[in-house]
């Protein structure tokens, strides 16, 4: 969907969600996780990107959860079904993060095994190639399960149709206009 086809209200609400208090606090959590990881990389591993990548990937679900919590806390009019659907949509959005996490774990695991067993590219290439179908399968399963769990609320047209279909209670006493 292009930017020109979206309504102005939709673009404004998306911008408010990202640049609002909840979105900026989630970005702050990501920056804090990355900064802490870089510090630990410098102090512990001698600039090997173990902690920075690990803490960045670990802070992504935390930031999503925090943004969802703050959004629900700031808007008390949100119904439980809407909040549940919002949480499931964010889980579906994390499917890409899951793919990156699986590929990075395979990459770092392969590099670790190759350095310990002195078989330089064998385990790294093998695990990365194996991680591609595994991550695709995990991503598809996660997205399908979260999308299947979404509850659709009945639209206003369906509500009116159901109200018109039910018979109105009739008055058993029959009186004419003139009272007789």
C-alpha atoms as a PDB file:
ATOM      1  CA  UNK A   1       0.000   0.000   0.000  1.00  0.00           C
ATOM      2  CA  UNK A   2       1.494   3.284  -1.022  1.00  0.00           C
ATOM      3  CA  UNK A   3       1.627   6.363   1.152  1.00  0.00           C
ATOM      4  CA  UNK A   4      -0.677   8.332  -1.165  1.00  0.00           C
ATOM      5  CA  UNK A   5      -3.506   5.791  -0.821  1.00  0.00           C
ATOM      6  CA  UNK A   6      -3.612   5.914   2.963  1.00  0.00           C
ATOM      7  CA  UNK A   7      -5.804   8.462   4.623  1.00  0.00           C
ATOM      8  CA  UNK A   8      -4.327  11.396   6.476  1.00  0.00           C
ATOM      9  CA  UNK A   9      -5.828  10.218   9.768  1.00  0.00           C
ATOM     10  CA  UNK A  10      -4.192   6.807   9.345  1.00  0.00           C
ATOM     11  CA  UNK A  11      -0.795   8.376   8.669  1.00  0.00           C
ATOM     12  CA  UNK A  12      -1.163  10.700  11.653  1.00  0.00           C
ATOM     13  CA  UNK A  13      -2.123   7.871  14.008  1.00  0.00           C
ATOM     14  CA  UNK A  14       0.817   5.769  12.795  1.00  0.00           C
ATOM     15  CA  UNK A  15       3.181   8.699  13.305  1.00  0.00           C
ATOM     16  CA  UNK A  16       1.738   9.309  16.768  1.00  0.00           C
ATOM     17  CA  UNK A  17       2.202   5.630  17.650  1.00  0.00           C
ATOM     18  CA  UNK A  18       5.866   5.685  16.661  1.00  0.00           C
ATOM     19  CA  UNK A  19       6.755   9.148  17.930  1.00  0.00           C
ATOM     20  CA  UNK A  20       4.415   9.067  20.916  1.00  0.00           C
ATOM     21  CA  UNK A  21       5.431   8.263  24.464  1.00  0.00           C
ATOM     22  CA  UNK A  22       4.979   4.516  24.050  1.00  0.00           C
ATOM     23  CA  UNK A  23       6.927   4.333  20.796  1.00  0.00           C
ATOM     24  CA  UNK A  24       9.797   6.488  22.009  1.00  0.00           C
ATOM     25  CA  UNK A  25      10.082   4.536  25.253  1.00  0.00           C
ATOM     26  CA  UNK A  26      10.255   1.293  23.229  1.00  0.00           C
ATOM     27  CA  UNK A  27      13.015   2.779  21.057  1.00  0.00           C
ATOM     28  CA  UNK A  28      14.772   3.875  24.261  1.00  0.00           C
ATOM     29  CA  UNK A  29      14.667   0.299  25.559  1.00  0.00           C
ATOM     30  CA  UNK A  30      16.225  -0.910  22.297  1.00  0.00           C
ATOM     31  CA  UNK A  31      18.967   1.712  22.539  1.00  0.00           C
ATOM     32  CA  UNK A  32      19.594   0.823  26.189  1.00  0.00           C
ATOM     33  CA  UNK A  33      19.927  -2.887  25.356  1.00  0.00           C
ATOM     34  CA  UNK A  34      22.302  -2.144  22.489  1.00  0.00           C
ATOM     35  CA  UNK A  35      24.413   0.242  24.561  1.00  0.00           C
ATOM     36  CA  UNK A  36      24.676  -2.212  27.445  1.00  0.00           C
ATOM     37  CA  UNK A  37      25.640  -4.932  24.976  1.00  0.00           C
ATOM     38  CA  UNK A  38      28.369  -2.752  23.467  1.00  0.00           C
ATOM     39  CA  UNK A  39      29.756  -2.005  26.926  1.00  0.00           C
ATOM     40  CA  UNK A  40      29.811  -5.694  27.806  1.00  0.00           C
ATOM     41  CA  UNK A  41      31.451  -6.473  24.464  1.00  0.00           C
ATOM     42  CA  UNK A  42      34.205  -3.988  25.201  1.00  0.00           C
ATOM     43  CA  UNK A  43      34.780  -5.133  28.795  1.00  0.00           C
ATOM     44  CA  UNK A  44      34.317  -8.898  28.501  1.00  0.00           C
ATOM     45  CA  UNK A  45      34.934 -10.180  24.985  1.00  0.00           C
ATOM     46  CA  UNK A  46      37.339  -7.660  23.515  1.00  0.00           C
ATOM     47  CA  UNK A  47      34.865  -6.215  20.979  1.00  0.00           C
ATOM     48  CA  UNK A  48      33.432  -9.518  19.759  1.00  0.00           C
ATOM     49  CA  UNK A  49      29.755  -8.709  18.972  1.00  0.00           C
ATOM     50  CA  UNK A  50      28.310 -11.377  21.246  1.00  0.00           C
ATOM     51  CA  UNK A  51      26.567  -9.255  23.871  1.00  0.00           C
ATOM     52  CA  UNK A  52      25.534  -6.359  21.633  1.00  0.00           C
ATOM     53  CA  UNK A  53      23.690  -8.606  19.186  1.00  0.00           C
ATOM     54  CA  UNK A  54      22.290 -10.817  21.927  1.00  0.00           C
ATOM     55  CA  UNK A  55      20.982  -7.978  24.069  1.00  0.00           C
ATOM     56  CA  UNK A  56      19.591  -6.158  21.039  1.00  0.00           C
ATOM     57  CA  UNK A  57      17.652  -9.239  19.973  1.00  0.00           C
ATOM     58  CA  UNK A  58      16.510  -9.877  23.546  1.00  0.00           C
ATOM     59  CA  UNK A  59      15.314  -6.287  23.946  1.00  0.00           C
ATOM     60  CA  UNK A  60      13.033  -6.391  20.870  1.00  0.00           C
ATOM     61  CA  UNK A  61      10.226  -8.441  22.514  1.00  0.00           C
ATOM     62  CA  UNK A  62      10.671  -6.421  25.693  1.00  0.00           C
ATOM     63  CA  UNK A  63      10.227  -3.174  23.742  1.00  0.00           C
ATOM     64  CA  UNK A  64       7.131  -4.549  21.966  1.00  0.00           C
ATOM     65  CA  UNK A  65       5.623  -5.576  25.282  1.00  0.00           C
ATOM     66  CA  UNK A  66       6.403  -2.237  26.880  1.00  0.00           C
ATOM     67  CA  UNK A  67       4.882  -0.283  23.971  1.00  0.00           C
ATOM     68  CA  UNK A  68       1.745  -2.436  24.106  1.00  0.00           C
ATOM     69  CA  UNK A  69       1.473  -1.999  27.876  1.00  0.00           C
ATOM     70  CA  UNK A  70       1.878   1.786  27.650  1.00  0.00           C
ATOM     71  CA  UNK A  71      -0.613   2.030  24.774  1.00  0.00           C
ATOM     72  CA  UNK A  72      -3.247   0.115  26.723  1.00  0.00           C
ATOM     73  CA  UNK A  73      -2.541   2.094  29.881  1.00  0.00           C
ATOM     74  CA  UNK A  74      -2.843   5.462  28.108  1.00  0.00           C
ATOM     75  CA  UNK A  75      -6.126   4.605  26.355  1.00  0.00           C
ATOM     76  CA  UNK A  76      -8.605   3.016  28.787  1.00  0.00           C
ATOM     77  CA  UNK A  77     -11.358   2.887  26.115  1.00  0.00           C
ATOM     78  CA  UNK A  78      -9.671  -0.052  24.399  1.00  0.00           C
ATOM     79  CA  UNK A  79     -11.777  -3.198  24.643  1.00  0.00           C
ATOM     80  CA  UNK A  80     -10.234  -6.522  25.718  1.00  0.00           C
ATOM     81  CA  UNK A  81     -10.773  -7.999  22.232  1.00  0.00           C
ATOM     82  CA  UNK A  82      -8.986  -5.060  20.638  1.00  0.00           C
ATOM     83  CA  UNK A  83      -6.106  -5.389  23.099  1.00  0.00           C
ATOM     84  CA  UNK A  84      -5.857  -9.126  22.407  1.00  0.00           C
ATOM     85  CA  UNK A  85      -5.851  -8.520  18.656  1.00  0.00           C
ATOM     86  CA  UNK A  86      -3.222  -5.810  19.080  1.00  0.00           C
ATOM     87  CA  UNK A  87      -1.013  -8.211  21.031  1.00  0.00           C
ATOM     88  CA  UNK A  88      -1.446 -10.949  18.431  1.00  0.00           C
ATOM     89  CA  UNK A  89      -0.643  -8.496  15.627  1.00  0.00           C
ATOM     90  CA  UNK A  90       2.561  -7.536  17.399  1.00  0.00           C
ATOM     91  CA  UNK A  91       3.433 -11.226  17.750  1.00  0.00           C
ATOM     92  CA  UNK A  92       2.892 -11.628  14.007  1.00  0.00           C
ATOM     93  CA  UNK A  93       5.133  -8.615  13.456  1.00  0.00           C
ATOM     94  CA  UNK A  94       7.867 -10.265  15.480  1.00  0.00           C
ATOM     95  CA  UNK A  95       8.059 -13.135  13.002  1.00  0.00           C
ATOM     96  CA  UNK A  96      10.775 -11.281  11.092  1.00  0.00           C
ATOM     97  CA  UNK A  97      12.722 -10.834  14.319  1.00  0.00           C
ATOM     98  CA  UNK A  98      12.425 -14.562  14.944  1.00  0.00           C
ATOM     99  CA  UNK A  99      13.986 -15.248  11.548  1.00  0.00           C
ATOM    100  CA  UNK A 100      16.901 -12.945  12.284  1.00  0.00           C
ATOM    101  CA  UNK A 101      17.409 -14.514  15.710  1.00  0.00           C
ATOM    102  CA  UNK A 102      17.515 -18.049  14.293  1.00  0.00           C
ATOM    103  CA  UNK A 103      19.958 -17.102  11.527  1.00  0.00           C
ATOM    104  CA  UNK A 104      22.235 -15.210  13.952  1.00  0.00           C
ATOM    105  CA  UNK A 105      22.183 -18.107  16.434  1.00  0.00           C
ATOM    106  CA  UNK A 106      23.160 -20.470  13.623  1.00  0.00           C
ATOM    107  CA  UNK A 107      25.897 -18.101  12.477  1.00  0.00           C
ATOM    108  CA  UNK A 108      27.414 -17.619  15.919  1.00  0.00           C
ATOM    109  CA  UNK A 109      26.978 -21.300  16.791  1.00  0.00           C
ATOM    110  CA  UNK A 110      28.728 -22.308  13.576  1.00  0.00           C
ATOM    111  CA  UNK A 111      31.555 -19.852  14.190  1.00  0.00           C
ATOM    112  CA  UNK A 112      31.953 -21.166  17.727  1.00  0.00           C
ATOM    113  CA  UNK A 113      32.028 -24.807  16.601  1.00  0.00           C
ATOM    114  CA  UNK A 114      34.442 -24.022  13.775  1.00  0.00           C
ATOM    115  CA  UNK A 115      36.815 -22.224  16.143  1.00  0.00           C
ATOM    116  CA  UNK A 116      36.736 -25.077  18.683  1.00  0.00           C
ATOM    117  CA  UNK A 117      37.033 -27.929  16.175  1.00  0.00           C
ATOM    118  CA  UNK A 118      39.334 -26.068  13.750  1.00  0.00           C
ATOM    119  CA  UNK A 119      37.068 -26.689  10.754  1.00  0.00           C
ATOM    120  CA  UNK A 120      36.836 -23.107   9.598  1.00  0.00           C
ATOM    121  CA  UNK A 121      33.846 -22.718   7.233  1.00  0.00           C
ATOM    122  CA  UNK A 122      32.151 -26.112   7.514  1.00  0.00           C
ATOM    123  CA  UNK A 123      29.837 -25.674  10.512  1.00  0.00           C
ATOM    124  CA  UNK A 124      29.200 -21.981   9.857  1.00  0.00           C
ATOM    125  CA  UNK A 125      28.004 -22.526   6.296  1.00  0.00           C
ATOM    126  CA  UNK A 126      26.150 -25.701   7.189  1.00  0.00           C
ATOM    127  CA  UNK A 127      24.252 -24.208  10.120  1.00  0.00           C
ATOM    128  CA  UNK A 128      23.388 -21.014   8.245  1.00  0.00           C
ATOM    129  CA  UNK A 129      22.048 -23.019   5.295  1.00  0.00           C
ATOM    130  CA  UNK A 130      20.098 -25.234   7.683  1.00  0.00           C
ATOM    131  CA  UNK A 131      18.715 -22.210   9.529  1.00  0.00           C
ATOM    132  CA  UNK A 132      17.016 -20.759   6.438  1.00  0.00           C
ATOM    133  CA  UNK A 133      14.268 -23.410   6.070  1.00  0.00           C
ATOM    134  CA  UNK A 134      13.952 -23.713   9.854  1.00  0.00           C
ATOM    135  CA  UNK A 135      13.449 -19.950  10.230  1.00  0.00           C
ATOM    136  CA  UNK A 136      10.967 -19.835   7.349  1.00  0.00           C
ATOM    137  CA  UNK A 137       8.967 -22.673   8.897  1.00  0.00           C
ATOM    138  CA  UNK A 138       9.021 -21.025  12.338  1.00  0.00           C
ATOM    139  CA  UNK A 139       8.023 -17.650  10.881  1.00  0.00           C
ATOM    140  CA  UNK A 140       5.092 -19.093   8.926  1.00  0.00           C
ATOM    141  CA  UNK A 141       3.861 -21.122  11.912  1.00  0.00           C
ATOM    142  CA  UNK A 142       4.062 -18.090  14.205  1.00  0.00           C
ATOM    143  CA  UNK A 143       2.227 -15.838  11.761  1.00  0.00           C
ATOM    144  CA  UNK A 144      -0.492 -18.357  10.949  1.00  0.00           C
ATOM    145  CA  UNK A 145      -1.160 -19.167  14.592  1.00  0.00           C
ATOM    146  CA  UNK A 146      -1.353 -15.517  15.631  1.00  0.00           C
ATOM    147  CA  UNK A 147      -3.511 -14.481  12.668  1.00  0.00           C
ATOM    148  CA  UNK A 148      -5.840 -17.450  13.201  1.00  0.00           C
ATOM    149  CA  UNK A 149      -6.342 -16.381  16.818  1.00  0.00           C
ATOM    150  CA  UNK A 150      -7.568 -12.898  15.909  1.00  0.00           C
ATOM    151  CA  UNK A 151     -11.208 -12.297  16.784  1.00  0.00           C
ATOM    152  CA  UNK A 152     -13.182 -10.284  14.313  1.00  0.00           C
ATOM    153  CA  UNK A 153     -15.815  -8.012  15.806  1.00  0.00           C
ATOM    154  CA  UNK A 154     -19.150  -7.839  14.013  1.00  0.00           C
ATOM    155  CA  UNK A 155     -19.558  -4.761  11.883  1.00  0.00           C
ATOM    156  CA  UNK A 156     -22.371  -2.262  12.313  1.00  0.00           C
ATOM    157  CA  UNK A 157     -24.196  -3.653   9.255  1.00  0.00           C
ATOM    158  CA  UNK A 158     -24.189  -7.188  10.698  1.00  0.00           C
ATOM    159  CA  UNK A 159     -25.449  -5.838  14.037  1.00  0.00           C
ATOM    160  CA  UNK A 160     -28.366  -4.073  12.373  1.00  0.00           C
ATOM    161  CA  UNK A 161     -29.256  -7.163  10.363  1.00  0.00           C
ATOM    162  CA  UNK A 162     -29.320  -9.303  13.493  1.00  0.00           C
ATOM    163  CA  UNK A 163     -31.474  -6.734  15.312  1.00  0.00           C
ATOM    164  CA  UNK A 164     -33.938  -6.575  12.421  1.00  0.00           C
ATOM    165  CA  UNK A 165     -34.140 -10.358  12.205  1.00  0.00           C
ATOM    166  CA  UNK A 166     -35.265 -10.765  15.806  1.00  0.00           C
ATOM    167  CA  UNK A 167     -38.962 -10.146  16.233  1.00  0.00           C
ATOM    168  CA  UNK A 168     -39.922  -7.171  18.360  1.00  0.00           C
ATOM    169  CA  UNK A 169     -41.925  -7.963  21.491  1.00  0.00           C
ATOM    170  CA  UNK A 170     -45.578  -7.448  20.743  1.00  0.00           C
ATOM    171  CA  UNK A 171     -48.095  -5.880  23.060  1.00  0.00           C
ATOM    172  CA  UNK A 172     -50.775  -8.415  23.980  1.00  0.00           C
ATOM    173  CA  UNK A 173     -53.417  -5.862  24.872  1.00  0.00           C
ATOM    174  CA  UNK A 174     -55.147  -4.605  21.765  1.00  0.00           C
ATOM    175  CA  UNK A 175     -56.575  -1.167  22.027  1.00  0.00           C
ATOM    176  CA  UNK A 176     -57.631   1.109  19.296  1.00  0.00           C
ATOM    177  CA  UNK A 177     -56.539   4.691  18.882  1.00  0.00           C
ATOM    178  CA  UNK A 178     -59.715   6.050  20.317  1.00  0.00           C
ATOM    179  CA  UNK A 179     -59.358   3.952  23.467  1.00  0.00           C
ATOM    180  CA  UNK A 180     -62.126   1.403  22.798  1.00  0.00           C
END
